[in-house]
Amino acid sequence: MKNSVRKVLSYVVLAVIGLAGCSGSVSGTYTDPSGAFVLNLKSGGAATFAFAGQQANCTYKSDGKTVNLTCEGQTGALTLTVQSDGSLTGPPGTFMPPLRKK
């Protein structure tokens, strides 16, 4: 009985570890095709966002489907949507092009 419980627990632990390893992280560097926009999402919630050579220090929070970016001097957060291909898109109606992970 003890061996079967241990066996089941070991399978559960392996499954949880495997699923955790498959979850995509948003951390990394994202750019638009022209390189005018550069977003660097670091682990721990720190970020930098650069546009046309001007860089701002930021923080971010992600729930897997969205990234809420708050930068110094900005009122409110900018909500980016994580697309199925992993790219980030800005709110509808903004001039920001899709940002792709390098």
PDB file of N, CA and C in Angstrom:
ATOM      1  N   MET A   1       0.816  -1.190   0.000  1.00  0.00           N
ATOM      2  CA  MET A   1       0.000   0.000   0.000  1.00  0.00           C
ATOM      3  C   MET A   1       0.864   1.259   0.000  1.00  0.00           C
ATOM      4  N   LYS A   2       1.894   1.276   0.860  1.00  0.00           N
ATOM      5  CA  LYS A   2       2.772   2.449   0.918  1.00  0.00           C
ATOM      6  C   LYS A   2       3.448   2.689  -0.423  1.00  0.00           C
ATOM      7  N   ASN A   3       3.886   1.636  -1.069  1.00  0.00           N
ATOM      8  CA  ASN A   3       4.571   1.783  -2.354  1.00  0.00           C
ATOM      9  C   ASN A   3       3.645   2.351  -3.420  1.00  0.00           C
ATOM     10  N   SER A   4       2.392   1.928  -3.433  1.00  0.00           N
ATOM     11  CA  SER A   4       1.464   2.443  -4.441  1.00  0.00           C
ATOM     12  C   SER A   4       1.159   3.923  -4.194  1.00  0.00           C
ATOM     13  N   VAL A   5       1.057   4.328  -2.932  1.00  0.00           N
ATOM     14  CA  VAL A   5       0.832   5.744  -2.612  1.00  0.00           C
ATOM     15  C   VAL A   5       2.047   6.566  -3.032  1.00  0.00           C
ATOM     16  N   ARG A   6       3.219   6.077  -2.744  1.00  0.00           N
ATOM     17  CA  ARG A   6       4.446   6.782  -3.146  1.00  0.00           C
ATOM     18  C   ARG A   6       4.529   6.891  -4.661  1.00  0.00           C
ATOM     19  N   LYS A   7       4.162   5.820  -5.342  1.00  0.00           N
ATOM     20  CA  LYS A   7       4.211   5.815  -6.800  1.00  0.00           C
ATOM     21  C   LYS A   7       3.260   6.867  -7.365  1.00  0.00           C
ATOM     22  N   VAL A   8       2.035   6.912  -6.836  1.00  0.00           N
ATOM     23  CA  VAL A   8       1.055   7.902  -7.294  1.00  0.00           C
ATOM     24  C   VAL A   8       1.548   9.314  -7.000  1.00  0.00           C
ATOM     25  N   LEU A   9       2.068   9.543  -5.800  1.00  0.00           N
ATOM     26  CA  LEU A   9       2.581  10.867  -5.450  1.00  0.00           C
ATOM     27  C   LEU A   9       3.736  11.272  -6.356  1.00  0.00           C
ATOM     28  N   SER A  10       4.606  10.343  -6.676  1.00  0.00           N
ATOM     29  CA  SER A  10       5.732  10.681  -7.550  1.00  0.00           C
ATOM     30  C   SER A  10       5.240  11.059  -8.946  1.00  0.00           C
ATOM     31  N   TYR A  11       4.200  10.373  -9.445  1.00  0.00           N
ATOM     32  CA  TYR A  11       3.631  10.742 -10.744  1.00  0.00           C
ATOM     33  C   TYR A  11       2.992  12.130 -10.696  1.00  0.00           C
ATOM     34  N   VAL A  12       2.310  12.417  -9.606  1.00  0.00           N
ATOM     35  CA  VAL A  12       1.683  13.732  -9.459  1.00  0.00           C
ATOM     36  C   VAL A  12       2.748  14.828  -9.426  1.00  0.00           C
ATOM     37  N   VAL A  13       3.808  14.610  -8.666  1.00  0.00           N
ATOM     38  CA  VAL A  13       4.891  15.591  -8.585  1.00  0.00           C
ATOM     39  C   VAL A  13       5.525  15.799  -9.954  1.00  0.00           C
ATOM     40  N   LEU A  14       5.793  14.725 -10.674  1.00  0.00           N
ATOM     41  CA  LEU A  14       6.376  14.845 -12.014  1.00  0.00           C
ATOM     42  C   LEU A  14       5.442  15.587 -12.971  1.00  0.00           C
ATOM     43  N   ALA A  15       4.150  15.318 -12.870  1.00  0.00           N
ATOM     44  CA  ALA A  15       3.189  16.005 -13.732  1.00  0.00           C
ATOM     45  C   ALA A  15       3.152  17.498 -13.434  1.00  0.00           C
ATOM     46  N   VAL A  16       3.167  17.858 -12.149  1.00  0.00           N
ATOM     47  CA  VAL A  16       3.145  19.275 -11.772  1.00  0.00           C
ATOM     48  C   VAL A  16       4.408  19.970 -12.255  1.00  0.00           C
ATOM     49  N   ILE A  17       5.549  19.328 -12.085  1.00  0.00           N
ATOM     50  CA  ILE A  17       6.812  19.913 -12.552  1.00  0.00           C
ATOM     51  C   ILE A  17       6.787  20.072 -14.065  1.00  0.00           C
ATOM     52  N   GLY A  18       6.277  19.075 -14.752  1.00  0.00           N
ATOM     53  CA  GLY A  18       6.197  19.149 -16.216  1.00  0.00           C
ATOM     54  C   GLY A  18       5.298  20.271 -16.685  1.00  0.00           C
ATOM     55  N   LEU A  19       4.150  20.431 -16.039  1.00  0.00           N
ATOM     56  CA  LEU A  19       3.246  21.516 -16.419  1.00  0.00           C
ATOM     57  C   LEU A  19       3.840  22.874 -16.108  1.00  0.00           C
ATOM     58  N   ALA A  20       4.530  22.983 -15.004  1.00  0.00           N
ATOM     59  CA  ALA A  20       5.165  24.262 -14.653  1.00  0.00           C
ATOM     60  C   ALA A  20       6.229  24.614 -15.678  1.00  0.00           C
ATOM     61  N   GLY A  21       6.952  23.624 -16.155  1.00  0.00           N
ATOM     62  CA  GLY A  21       7.985  23.872 -17.153  1.00  0.00           C
ATOM     63  C   GLY A  21       7.424  24.274 -18.498  1.00  0.00           C
ATOM     64  N   CYS A  22       6.173  23.894 -18.777  1.00  0.00           N
ATOM     65  CA  CYS A  22       5.565  24.217 -20.058  1.00  0.00           C
ATOM     66  C   CYS A  22       4.924  25.595 -20.080  1.00  0.00           C
ATOM     67  N   SER A  23       4.692  26.167 -18.926  1.00  0.00           N
ATOM     68  CA  SER A  23       4.039  27.467 -18.905  1.00  0.00           C
ATOM     69  C   SER A  23       4.984  28.508 -19.472  1.00  0.00           C
ATOM     70  N   GLY A  24       4.478  29.303 -20.404  1.00  0.00           N
ATOM     71  CA  GLY A  24       5.314  30.280 -21.061  1.00  0.00           C
ATOM     72  C   GLY A  24       5.554  31.493 -20.193  1.00  0.00           C
ATOM     73  N   SER A  25       6.758  31.952 -20.176  1.00  0.00           N
ATOM     74  CA  SER A  25       7.099  33.154 -19.450  1.00  0.00           C
ATOM     75  C   SER A  25       7.106  34.320 -20.430  1.00  0.00           C
ATOM     76  N   VAL A  26       6.622  35.460 -19.988  1.00  0.00           N
ATOM     77  CA  VAL A  26       6.631  36.626 -20.860  1.00  0.00           C
ATOM     78  C   VAL A  26       7.956  37.367 -20.792  1.00  0.00           C
ATOM     79  N   SER A  27       8.826  37.001 -19.846  1.00  0.00           N
ATOM     80  CA  SER A  27      10.091  37.744 -19.737  1.00  0.00           C
ATOM     81  C   SER A  27      10.913  37.557 -21.002  1.00  0.00           C
ATOM     82  N   GLY A  28      11.603  38.627 -21.363  1.00  0.00           N
ATOM     83  CA  GLY A  28      12.420  38.635 -22.573  1.00  0.00           C
ATOM     84  C   GLY A  28      12.366  40.001 -23.225  1.00  0.00           C
ATOM     85  N   THR A  29      12.997  40.114 -24.375  1.00  0.00           N
ATOM     86  CA  THR A  29      13.040  41.375 -25.119  1.00  0.00           C
ATOM     87  C   THR A  29      12.124  41.282 -26.328  1.00  0.00           C
ATOM     88  N   TYR A  30      11.263  42.279 -26.471  1.00  0.00           N
ATOM     89  CA  TYR A  30      10.293  42.352 -27.566  1.00  0.00           C
ATOM     90  C   TYR A  30      10.573  43.603 -28.387  1.00  0.00           C
ATOM     91  N   THR A  31      10.447  43.482 -29.703  1.00  0.00           N
ATOM     92  CA  THR A  31      10.636  44.639 -30.578  1.00  0.00           C
ATOM     93  C   THR A  31       9.619  44.607 -31.710  1.00  0.00           C
ATOM     94  N   ASP A  32       9.429  45.763 -32.317  1.00  0.00           N
ATOM     95  CA  ASP A  32       8.627  45.824 -33.535  1.00  0.00           C
ATOM     96  C   ASP A  32       9.587  45.620 -34.714  1.00  0.00           C
ATOM     97  N   PRO A  33       9.078  45.415 -35.924  1.00  0.00           N
ATOM     98  CA  PRO A  33       9.966  45.155 -37.073  1.00  0.00           C
ATOM     99  C   PRO A  33      10.994  46.252 -37.345  1.00  0.00           C
ATOM    100  N   SER A  34      10.650  47.514 -37.060  1.00  0.00           N
ATOM    101  CA  SER A  34      11.588  48.603 -37.341  1.00  0.00           C
ATOM    102  C   SER A  34      12.609  48.812 -36.228  1.00  0.00           C
ATOM    103  N   GLY A  35      12.331  48.257 -35.039  1.00  0.00           N
ATOM    104  CA  GLY A  35      13.232  48.449 -33.904  1.00  0.00           C
ATOM    105  C   GLY A  35      12.996  49.743 -33.152  1.00  0.00           C
ATOM    106  N   ALA A  36      11.937  50.483 -33.513  1.00  0.00           N
ATOM    107  CA  ALA A  36      11.645  51.742 -32.834  1.00  0.00           C
ATOM    108  C   ALA A  36      11.126  51.501 -31.413  1.00  0.00           C
ATOM    109  N   PHE A  37      10.394  50.406 -31.223  1.00  0.00           N
ATOM    110  CA  PHE A  37       9.879  50.031 -29.906  1.00  0.00           C
ATOM    111  C   PHE A  37      10.688  48.857 -29.383  1.00  0.00           C
ATOM    112  N   VAL A  38      11.190  48.964 -28.158  1.00  0.00           N
ATOM    113  CA  VAL A  38      11.910  47.861 -27.524  1.00  0.00           C
ATOM    114  C   VAL A  38      11.400  47.746 -26.087  1.00  0.00           C
ATOM    115  N   LEU A  39      10.855  46.594 -25.771  1.00  0.00           N
ATOM    116  CA  LEU A  39      10.335  46.325 -24.432  1.00  0.00           C
ATOM    117  C   LEU A  39      11.125  45.164 -23.850  1.00  0.00           C
ATOM    118  N   ASN A  40      11.749  45.405 -22.704  1.00  0.00           N
ATOM    119  CA  ASN A  40      12.520  44.361 -22.030  1.00  0.00           C
ATOM    120  C   ASN A  40      11.811  44.024 -20.721  1.00  0.00           C
ATOM    121  N   LEU A  41      11.200  42.834 -20.680  1.00  0.00           N
ATOM    122  CA  LEU A  41      10.511  42.361 -19.481  1.00  0.00           C
ATOM    123  C   LEU A  41      11.456  41.428 -18.738  1.00  0.00           C
ATOM    124  N   LYS A  42      11.840  41.838 -17.548  1.00  0.00           N
ATOM    125  CA  LYS A  42      12.785  41.058 -16.748  1.00  0.00           C
ATOM    126  C   LYS A  42      12.024  40.221 -15.726  1.00  0.00           C
ATOM    127  N   SER A  43      12.651  39.164 -15.249  1.00  0.00           N
ATOM    128  CA  SER A  43      12.003  38.364 -14.215  1.00  0.00           C
ATOM    129  C   SER A  43      11.856  39.216 -12.959  1.00  0.00           C
ATOM    130  N   GLY A  44      10.813  38.975 -12.206  1.00  0.00           N
ATOM    131  CA  GLY A  44      10.582  39.734 -10.986  1.00  0.00           C
ATOM    132  C   GLY A  44       9.731  40.972 -11.169  1.00  0.00           C
ATOM    133  N   GLY A  45       9.299  41.256 -12.396  1.00  0.00           N
ATOM    134  CA  GLY A  45       8.394  42.381 -12.619  1.00  0.00           C
ATOM    135  C   GLY A  45       9.038  43.693 -13.025  1.00  0.00           C
ATOM    136  N   ALA A  46      10.350  43.736 -13.186  1.00  0.00           N
ATOM    137  CA  ALA A  46      11.015  44.962 -13.657  1.00  0.00           C
ATOM    138  C   ALA A  46      11.020  44.966 -15.188  1.00  0.00           C
ATOM    139  N   ALA A  47      10.992  46.153 -15.765  1.00  0.00           N
ATOM    140  CA  ALA A  47      10.986  46.272 -17.222  1.00  0.00           C
ATOM    141  C   ALA A  47      11.586  47.604 -17.646  1.00  0.00           C
ATOM    142  N   THR A  48      11.992  47.665 -18.900  1.00  0.00           N
ATOM    143  CA  THR A  48      12.345  48.936 -19.535  1.00  0.00           C
ATOM    144  C   THR A  48      11.600  48.992 -20.855  1.00  0.00           C
ATOM    145  N   PHE A  49      11.179  50.191 -21.226  1.00  0.00           N
ATOM    146  CA  PHE A  49      10.459  50.392 -22.475  1.00  0.00           C
ATOM    147  C   PHE A  49      11.108  51.557 -23.193  1.00  0.00           C
ATOM    148  N   ALA A  50      11.525  51.315 -24.421  1.00  0.00           N
ATOM    149  CA  ALA A  50      12.175  52.366 -25.201  1.00  0.00           C
ATOM    150  C   ALA A  50      11.396  52.617 -26.484  1.00  0.00           C
ATOM    151  N   PHE A  51      11.262  53.892 -26.816  1.00  0.00           N
ATOM    152  CA  PHE A  51      10.643  54.296 -28.075  1.00  0.00           C
ATOM    153  C   PHE A  51      11.492  55.393 -28.670  1.00  0.00           C
ATOM    154  N   ALA A  52      11.952  55.158 -29.876  1.00  0.00           N
ATOM    155  CA  ALA A  52      12.767  56.138 -30.607  1.00  0.00           C
ATOM    156  C   ALA A  52      13.945  56.636 -29.771  1.00  0.00           C
ATOM    157  N   GLY A  53      14.582  55.722 -29.053  1.00  0.00           N
ATOM    158  CA  GLY A  53      15.779  56.058 -28.300  1.00  0.00           C
ATOM    159  C   GLY A  53      15.535  56.585 -26.899  1.00  0.00           C
ATOM    160  N   GLN A  54      14.303  56.885 -26.542  1.00  0.00           N
ATOM    161  CA  GLN A  54      13.969  57.359 -25.195  1.00  0.00           C
ATOM    162  C   GLN A  54      13.553  56.159 -24.351  1.00  0.00           C
ATOM    163  N   GLN A  55      14.220  55.943 -23.225  1.00  0.00           N
ATOM    164  CA  GLN A  55      13.962  54.771 -22.405  1.00  0.00           C
ATOM    165  C   GLN A  55      13.330  55.149 -21.074  1.00  0.00           C
ATOM    166  N   ALA A  56      12.387  54.334 -20.605  1.00  0.00           N
ATOM    167  CA  ALA A  56      11.742  54.537 -19.314  1.00  0.00           C
ATOM    168  C   ALA A  56      11.851  53.261 -18.490  1.00  0.00           C
ATOM    169  N   ASN A  57      12.028  53.428 -17.185  1.00  0.00           N
ATOM    170  CA  ASN A  57      11.993  52.288 -16.267  1.00  0.00           C
ATOM    171  C   ASN A  57      10.535  51.997 -15.949  1.00  0.00           C
ATOM    172  N   CYS A  58      10.203  50.711 -15.914  1.00  0.00           N
ATOM    173  CA  CYS A  58       8.815  50.299 -15.735  1.00  0.00           C
ATOM    174  C   CYS A  58       8.729  49.097 -14.806  1.00  0.00           C
ATOM    175  N   THR A  59       7.510  48.771 -14.452  1.00  0.00           N
ATOM    176  CA  THR A  59       7.201  47.520 -13.774  1.00  0.00           C
ATOM    177  C   THR A  59       6.072  46.877 -14.565  1.00  0.00           C
ATOM    178  N   TYR A  60       5.932  45.561 -14.406  1.00  0.00           N
ATOM    179  CA  TYR A  60       4.841  44.884 -15.100  1.00  0.00           C
ATOM    180  C   TYR A  60       4.302  43.736 -14.264  1.00  0.00           C
ATOM    181  N   LYS A  61       3.062  43.394 -14.569  1.00  0.00           N
ATOM    182  CA  LYS A  61       2.410  42.219 -14.003  1.00  0.00           C
ATOM    183  C   LYS A  61       1.759  41.486 -15.159  1.00  0.00           C
ATOM    184  N   SER A  62       1.842  40.164 -15.135  1.00  0.00           N
ATOM    185  CA  SER A  62       1.255  39.366 -16.199  1.00  0.00           C
ATOM    186  C   SER A  62       0.368  38.281 -15.608  1.00  0.00           C
ATOM    187  N   ASP A  63      -0.764  38.037 -16.277  1.00  0.00           N
ATOM    188  CA  ASP A  63      -1.625  36.935 -15.858  1.00  0.00           C
ATOM    189  C   ASP A  63      -1.644  35.830 -16.910  1.00  0.00           C
ATOM    190  N   GLY A  64      -0.740  35.897 -17.872  1.00  0.00           N
ATOM    191  CA  GLY A  64      -0.669  34.893 -18.920  1.00  0.00           C
ATOM    192  C   GLY A  64      -1.314  35.346 -20.216  1.00  0.00           C
ATOM    193  N   LYS A  65      -2.381  36.136 -20.130  1.00  0.00           N
ATOM    194  CA  LYS A  65      -3.065  36.623 -21.329  1.00  0.00           C
ATOM    195  C   LYS A  65      -2.846  38.103 -21.554  1.00  0.00           C
ATOM    196  N   THR A  66      -2.484  38.809 -20.485  1.00  0.00           N
ATOM    197  CA  THR A  66      -2.214  40.238 -20.598  1.00  0.00           C
ATOM    198  C   THR A  66      -0.960  40.587 -19.814  1.00  0.00           C
ATOM    199  N   VAL A  67      -0.348  41.690 -20.207  1.00  0.00           N
ATOM    200  CA  VAL A  67       0.782  42.265 -19.486  1.00  0.00           C
ATOM    201  C   VAL A  67       0.401  43.704 -19.194  1.00  0.00           C
ATOM    202  N   ASN A  68       0.353  44.063 -17.914  1.00  0.00           N
ATOM    203  CA  ASN A  68       0.059  45.434 -17.513  1.00  0.00           C
ATOM    204  C   ASN A  68       1.371  46.129 -17.196  1.00  0.00           C
ATOM    205  N   LEU A  69       1.706  47.119 -18.014  1.00  0.00           N
ATOM    206  CA  LEU A  69       2.983  47.819 -17.935  1.00  0.00           C
ATOM    207  C   LEU A  69       2.767  49.214 -17.371  1.00  0.00           C
ATOM    208  N   THR A  70       3.492  49.536 -16.304  1.00  0.00           N
ATOM    209  CA  THR A  70       3.436  50.869 -15.708  1.00  0.00           C
ATOM    210  C   THR A  70       4.837  51.459 -15.742  1.00  0.00           C
ATOM    211  N   CYS A  71       4.977  52.608 -16.405  1.00  0.00           N
ATOM    212  CA  CYS A  71       6.294  53.234 -16.564  1.00  0.00           C
ATOM    213  C   CYS A  71       6.339  54.564 -15.815  1.00  0.00           C
ATOM    214  N   GLU A  72       7.547  54.950 -15.433  1.00  0.00           N
ATOM    215  CA  GLU A  72       7.751  56.229 -14.745  1.00  0.00           C
ATOM    216  C   GLU A  72       7.199  57.363 -15.597  1.00  0.00           C
ATOM    217  N   GLY A  73       6.470  58.264 -14.955  1.00  0.00           N
ATOM    218  CA  GLY A  73       5.922  59.412 -15.659  1.00  0.00           C
ATOM    219  C   GLY A  73       4.643  59.113 -16.412  1.00  0.00           C
ATOM    220  N   GLN A  74       4.153  57.894 -16.347  1.00  0.00           N
ATOM    221  CA  GLN A  74       2.934  57.501 -17.056  1.00  0.00           C
ATOM    222  C   GLN A  74       1.783  57.427 -16.059  1.00  0.00           C
ATOM    223  N   THR A  75       0.628  57.910 -16.458  1.00  0.00           N
ATOM    224  CA  THR A  75      -0.554  57.803 -15.617  1.00  0.00           C
ATOM    225  C   THR A  75      -1.301  56.538 -16.016  1.00  0.00           C
ATOM    226  N   GLY A  76      -1.428  55.605 -15.094  1.00  0.00           N
ATOM    227  CA  GLY A  76      -2.124  54.358 -15.389  1.00  0.00           C
ATOM    228  C   GLY A  76      -1.242  53.358 -16.109  1.00  0.00           C
ATOM    229  N   ALA A  77      -1.741  52.146 -16.212  1.00  0.00           N
ATOM    230  CA  ALA A  77      -0.996  51.062 -16.839  1.00  0.00           C
ATOM    231  C   ALA A  77      -1.390  50.912 -18.304  1.00  0.00           C
ATOM    232  N   LEU A  78      -0.443  50.481 -19.106  1.00  0.00           N
ATOM    233  CA  LEU A  78      -0.688  50.134 -20.501  1.00  0.00           C
ATOM    234  C   LEU A  78      -0.908  48.630 -20.532  1.00  0.00           C
ATOM    235  N   THR A  79      -2.054  48.200 -21.042  1.00  0.00           N
ATOM    236  CA  THR A  79      -2.363  46.777 -21.094  1.00  0.00           C
ATOM    237  C   THR A  79      -2.025  46.226 -22.467  1.00  0.00           C
ATOM    238  N   LEU A  80      -1.101  45.279 -22.472  1.00  0.00           N
ATOM    239  CA  LEU A  80      -0.709  44.585 -23.698  1.00  0.00           C
ATOM    240  C   LEU A  80      -1.343  43.201 -23.676  1.00  0.00           C
ATOM    241  N   THR A  81      -1.756  42.721 -24.840  1.00  0.00           N
ATOM    242  CA  THR A  81      -2.370  41.401 -24.942  1.00  0.00           C
ATOM    243  C   THR A  81      -1.357  40.414 -25.504  1.00  0.00           C
ATOM    244  N   VAL A  82      -1.237  39.256 -24.851  1.00  0.00           N
ATOM    245  CA  VAL A  82      -0.351  38.192 -25.324  1.00  0.00           C
ATOM    246  C   VAL A  82      -1.118  37.404 -26.383  1.00  0.00           C
ATOM    247  N   GLN A  83      -0.614  37.406 -27.607  1.00  0.00           N
ATOM    248  CA  GLN A  83      -1.260  36.697 -28.709  1.00  0.00           C
ATOM    249  C   GLN A  83      -0.845  35.221 -28.723  1.00  0.00           C
ATOM    250  N   SER A  84      -1.533  34.413 -29.503  1.00  0.00           N
ATOM    251  CA  SER A  84      -1.256  32.976 -29.550  1.00  0.00           C
ATOM    252  C   SER A  84       0.160  32.671 -30.042  1.00  0.00           C
ATOM    253  N   ASP A  85       0.753  33.566 -30.830  1.00  0.00           N
ATOM    254  CA  ASP A  85       2.122  33.356 -31.309  1.00  0.00           C
ATOM    255  C   ASP A  85       3.168  33.904 -30.339  1.00  0.00           C
ATOM    256  N   GLY A  86       2.710  34.448 -29.178  1.00  0.00           N
ATOM    257  CA  GLY A  86       3.627  34.982 -28.181  1.00  0.00           C
ATOM    258  C   GLY A  86       3.925  36.456 -28.330  1.00  0.00           C
ATOM    259  N   SER A  87       3.460  37.077 -29.408  1.00  0.00           N
ATOM    260  CA  SER A  87       3.689  38.504 -29.591  1.00  0.00           C
ATOM    261  C   SER A  87       2.790  39.295 -28.650  1.00  0.00           C
ATOM    262  N   LEU A  88       3.139  40.560 -28.448  1.00  0.00           N
ATOM    263  CA  LEU A  88       2.370  41.464 -27.593  1.00  0.00           C
ATOM    264  C   LEU A  88       1.762  42.554 -28.462  1.00  0.00           C
ATOM    265  N   THR A  89       0.477  42.831 -28.247  1.00  0.00           N
ATOM    266  CA  THR A  89      -0.172  43.913 -28.978  1.00  0.00           C
ATOM    267  C   THR A  89      -0.740  44.918 -27.988  1.00  0.00           C
ATOM    268  N   GLY A  90      -0.720  46.168 -28.397  1.00  0.00           N
ATOM    269  CA  GLY A  90      -1.234  47.238 -27.559  1.00  0.00           C
ATOM    270  C   GLY A  90      -2.745  47.318 -27.624  1.00  0.00           C
ATOM    271  N   PRO A  91      -3.313  48.230 -26.875  1.00  0.00           N
ATOM    272  CA  PRO A  91      -4.769  48.407 -26.906  1.00  0.00           C
ATOM    273  C   PRO A  91      -5.228  48.793 -28.317  1.00  0.00           C
ATOM    274  N   PRO A  92      -6.444  48.388 -28.695  1.00  0.00           N
ATOM    275  CA  PRO A  92      -6.964  48.772 -30.017  1.00  0.00           C
ATOM    276  C   PRO A  92      -6.964  50.290 -30.181  1.00  0.00           C
ATOM    277  N   GLY A  93      -6.632  50.722 -31.372  1.00  0.00           N
ATOM    278  CA  GLY A  93      -6.630  52.147 -31.667  1.00  0.00           C
ATOM    279  C   GLY A  93      -5.328  52.857 -31.362  1.00  0.00           C
ATOM    280  N   THR A  94      -4.329  52.144 -30.805  1.00  0.00           N
ATOM    281  CA  THR A  94      -3.036  52.779 -30.546  1.00  0.00           C
ATOM    282  C   THR A  94      -2.141  52.615 -31.765  1.00  0.00           C
ATOM    283  N   PHE A  95      -1.132  53.432 -31.833  1.00  0.00           N
ATOM    284  CA  PHE A  95      -0.211  53.372 -32.970  1.00  0.00           C
ATOM    285  C   PHE A  95       0.903  52.360 -32.763  1.00  0.00           C
ATOM    286  N   MET A  96       0.903  51.663 -31.640  1.00  0.00           N
ATOM    287  CA  MET A  96       1.980  50.713 -31.347  1.00  0.00           C
ATOM    288  C   MET A  96       1.789  49.432 -32.154  1.00  0.00           C
ATOM    289  N   PRO A  97       2.800  49.055 -32.930  1.00  0.00           N
ATOM    290  CA  PRO A  97       2.711  47.818 -33.705  1.00  0.00           C
ATOM    291  C   PRO A  97       2.914  46.604 -32.807  1.00  0.00           C
ATOM    292  N   PRO A  98       2.589  45.406 -33.288  1.00  0.00           N
ATOM    293  CA  PRO A  98       2.846  44.195 -32.509  1.00  0.00           C
ATOM    294  C   PRO A  98       4.329  44.076 -32.170  1.00  0.00           C
ATOM    295  N   LEU A  99       4.620  43.629 -30.955  1.00  0.00           N
ATOM    296  CA  LEU A  99       6.001  43.435 -30.509  1.00  0.00           C
ATOM    297  C   LEU A  99       6.271  41.941 -30.451  1.00  0.00           C
ATOM    298  N   ARG A 100       7.346  41.521 -31.098  1.00  0.00           N
ATOM    299  CA  ARG A 100       7.694  40.109 -31.145  1.00  0.00           C
ATOM    300  C   ARG A 100       8.938  39.846 -30.302  1.00  0.00           C
ATOM    301  N   LYS A 101       8.944  38.695 -29.644  1.00  0.00           N
ATOM    302  CA  LYS A 101      10.063  38.317 -28.789  1.00  0.00           C
ATOM    303  C   LYS A 101      11.280  37.991 -29.645  1.00  0.00           C
ATOM    304  N   LYS A 102      12.427  38.517 -29.242  1.00  0.00           N
ATOM    305  CA  LYS A 102      13.679  38.247 -29.962  1.00  0.00           C
ATOM    306  C   LYS A 102      14.149  36.851 -29.682  1.00  0.00           C
TER     307      LYS A 102
END
